[in-house]
Amino acid sequence: MPKGFYFSAHKSEKGCLFDAKIKLPEGHDFDEKRLIYFSVDLNGTSYIFDIGYIMPEDSIDKPTMFVNDGGDTNGENINFDIFEITRPE
């Protein structure tokens, strides 16, 4: 980025934004090591946008995906940053 001052803002919501259930095969106990999280980095902050689980018949490349039944939020937050780039990349 060129030298100069920059402004950044992002809004986040507080509460439960992801609510899902998954049915495991009979005889299969839940194993948190089989959870797969899909995330994106936005302005230096990671956000999870999807979750899967590797069932016994799944591969790591094709997990069973959770279906988000939604959730609710009970508040919002807004963050603002002003920063200076003193040396160009």
C-alpha atoms as a PDB file:
ATOM      1  CA  MET A   1       0.000   0.000   0.000  1.00  0.00           C
ATOM      2  CA  PRO A   2       1.236   3.511  -0.632  1.00  0.00           C
ATOM      3  CA  LYS A   3       2.315   5.757   2.231  1.00  0.00           C
ATOM      4  CA  GLY A   4      -0.488   7.667   3.897  1.00  0.00           C
ATOM      5  CA  PHE A   5      -3.275   7.507   6.438  1.00  0.00           C
ATOM      6  CA  TYR A   6      -5.993   4.866   6.159  1.00  0.00           C
ATOM      7  CA  PHE A   7      -9.375   4.319   7.771  1.00  0.00           C
ATOM      8  CA  SER A   8     -10.825   0.874   8.441  1.00  0.00           C
ATOM      9  CA  ALA A   9     -14.215  -0.052   9.917  1.00  0.00           C
ATOM     10  CA  HIS A  10     -16.084  -3.269  10.541  1.00  0.00           C
ATOM     11  CA  LYS A  11     -19.330  -4.171  12.208  1.00  0.00           C
ATOM     12  CA  SER A  12     -19.788  -7.328  14.213  1.00  0.00           C
ATOM     13  CA  GLU A  13     -22.805  -8.840  15.878  1.00  0.00           C
ATOM     14  CA  LYS A  14     -22.892 -10.474  19.271  1.00  0.00           C
ATOM     15  CA  GLY A  15     -24.846 -13.623  19.945  1.00  0.00           C
ATOM     16  CA  CYS A  16     -25.268 -17.024  18.348  1.00  0.00           C
ATOM     17  CA  LEU A  17     -24.926 -16.794  14.575  1.00  0.00           C
ATOM     18  CA  PHE A  18     -24.508 -20.511  13.901  1.00  0.00           C
ATOM     19  CA  ASP A  19     -26.826 -23.135  15.356  1.00  0.00           C
ATOM     20  CA  ALA A  20     -26.705 -26.653  13.930  1.00  0.00           C
ATOM     21  CA  LYS A  21     -27.269 -30.294  14.767  1.00  0.00           C
ATOM     22  CA  ILE A  22     -25.644 -33.284  13.174  1.00  0.00           C
ATOM     23  CA  LYS A  23     -26.663 -36.931  13.529  1.00  0.00           C
ATOM     24  CA  LEU A  24     -23.776 -39.338  13.986  1.00  0.00           C
ATOM     25  CA  PRO A  25     -23.941 -42.915  12.716  1.00  0.00           C
ATOM     26  CA  GLU A  26     -24.940 -45.517  15.282  1.00  0.00           C
ATOM     27  CA  GLY A  27     -21.927 -46.635  17.296  1.00  0.00           C
ATOM     28  CA  HIS A  28     -19.890 -43.548  16.358  1.00  0.00           C
ATOM     29  CA  ASP A  29     -18.898 -41.273  19.235  1.00  0.00           C
ATOM     30  CA  PHE A  30     -18.382 -37.569  18.647  1.00  0.00           C
ATOM     31  CA  ASP A  31     -14.710 -36.678  18.091  1.00  0.00           C
ATOM     32  CA  GLU A  32     -13.848 -32.971  18.038  1.00  0.00           C
ATOM     33  CA  LYS A  33     -10.754 -33.772  15.936  1.00  0.00           C
ATOM     34  CA  ARG A  34     -13.115 -34.570  13.053  1.00  0.00           C
ATOM     35  CA  LEU A  35     -14.531 -31.021  12.958  1.00  0.00           C
ATOM     36  CA  ILE A  36     -13.506 -28.935   9.929  1.00  0.00           C
ATOM     37  CA  TYR A  37     -13.729 -25.143  10.133  1.00  0.00           C
ATOM     38  CA  PHE A  38     -13.857 -22.935   7.045  1.00  0.00           C
ATOM     39  CA  SER A  39     -12.697 -19.389   7.669  1.00  0.00           C
ATOM     40  CA  VAL A  40     -11.745 -16.214   5.876  1.00  0.00           C
ATOM     41  CA  ASP A  41      -9.308 -13.503   6.945  1.00  0.00           C
ATOM     42  CA  LEU A  42     -10.748 -10.003   6.707  1.00  0.00           C
ATOM     43  CA  ASN A  43      -8.440  -7.170   7.619  1.00  0.00           C
ATOM     44  CA  GLY A  44      -6.377  -9.376   9.944  1.00  0.00           C
ATOM     45  CA  THR A  45      -9.323 -11.029  11.717  1.00  0.00           C
ATOM     46  CA  SER A  46     -10.387 -14.619  11.024  1.00  0.00           C
ATOM     47  CA  TYR A  47     -14.097 -15.356  10.683  1.00  0.00           C
ATOM     48  CA  ILE A  48     -15.576 -18.876  10.567  1.00  0.00           C
ATOM     49  CA  PHE A  49     -18.241 -19.098   7.865  1.00  0.00           C
ATOM     50  CA  ASP A  50     -18.919 -22.848   7.681  1.00  0.00           C
ATOM     51  CA  ILE A  51     -18.373 -26.036   9.713  1.00  0.00           C
ATOM     52  CA  GLY A  52     -18.182 -29.679   8.663  1.00  0.00           C
ATOM     53  CA  TYR A  53     -17.587 -33.046  10.305  1.00  0.00           C
ATOM     54  CA  ILE A  54     -15.639 -35.971   8.864  1.00  0.00           C
ATOM     55  CA  MET A  55     -17.996 -38.935   9.166  1.00  0.00           C
ATOM     56  CA  PRO A  56     -16.472 -42.451   8.985  1.00  0.00           C
ATOM     57  CA  GLU A  57     -17.321 -42.674   5.259  1.00  0.00           C
ATOM     58  CA  ASP A  58     -16.137 -39.087   4.482  1.00  0.00           C
ATOM     59  CA  SER A  59     -12.733 -37.809   3.424  1.00  0.00           C
ATOM     60  CA  ILE A  60     -11.025 -34.707   4.766  1.00  0.00           C
ATOM     61  CA  ASP A  61     -11.708 -33.053   1.382  1.00  0.00           C
ATOM     62  CA  LYS A  62     -15.440 -33.858   1.496  1.00  0.00           C
ATOM     63  CA  PRO A  63     -16.776 -33.678   5.053  1.00  0.00           C
ATOM     64  CA  THR A  64     -20.465 -33.711   5.934  1.00  0.00           C
ATOM     65  CA  MET A  65     -21.432 -30.070   6.250  1.00  0.00           C
ATOM     66  CA  PHE A  66     -23.525 -28.714   9.114  1.00  0.00           C
ATOM     67  CA  VAL A  67     -26.772 -27.008   8.128  1.00  0.00           C
ATOM     68  CA  ASN A  68     -26.998 -23.678   9.903  1.00  0.00           C
ATOM     69  CA  ASP A  69     -30.446 -23.325  11.438  1.00  0.00           C
ATOM     70  CA  GLY A  70     -29.609 -19.705  12.125  1.00  0.00           C
ATOM     71  CA  GLY A  71     -29.402 -18.009  15.435  1.00  0.00           C
ATOM     72  CA  ASP A  72     -29.987 -14.617  16.865  1.00  0.00           C
ATOM     73  CA  THR A  73     -28.011 -11.645  17.969  1.00  0.00           C
ATOM     74  CA  ASN A  74     -28.541  -9.491  20.968  1.00  0.00           C
ATOM     75  CA  GLY A  75     -26.236  -6.602  20.190  1.00  0.00           C
ATOM     76  CA  GLU A  76     -23.873  -5.058  17.711  1.00  0.00           C
ATOM     77  CA  ASN A  77     -20.358  -3.705  17.824  1.00  0.00           C
ATOM     78  CA  ILE A  78     -18.588  -1.323  15.455  1.00  0.00           C
ATOM     79  CA  ASN A  79     -14.805  -0.988  15.359  1.00  0.00           C
ATOM     80  CA  PHE A  80     -12.944   1.851  13.667  1.00  0.00           C
ATOM     81  CA  ASP A  81      -9.213   2.095  13.062  1.00  0.00           C
ATOM     82  CA  ILE A  82      -7.086   4.882  11.660  1.00  0.00           C
ATOM     83  CA  PHE A  83      -3.540   3.914  10.796  1.00  0.00           C
ATOM     84  CA  GLU A  84      -0.563   5.272   8.933  1.00  0.00           C
ATOM     85  CA  ILE A  85       1.664   3.505   6.418  1.00  0.00           C
ATOM     86  CA  THR A  86       5.100   5.077   6.673  1.00  0.00           C
ATOM     87  CA  ARG A  87       6.891   2.771   4.226  1.00  0.00           C
ATOM     88  CA  PRO A  88       5.366   1.407   1.031  1.00  0.00           C
ATOM     89  CA  GLU A  89       5.457  -2.370   0.600  1.00  0.00           C
END
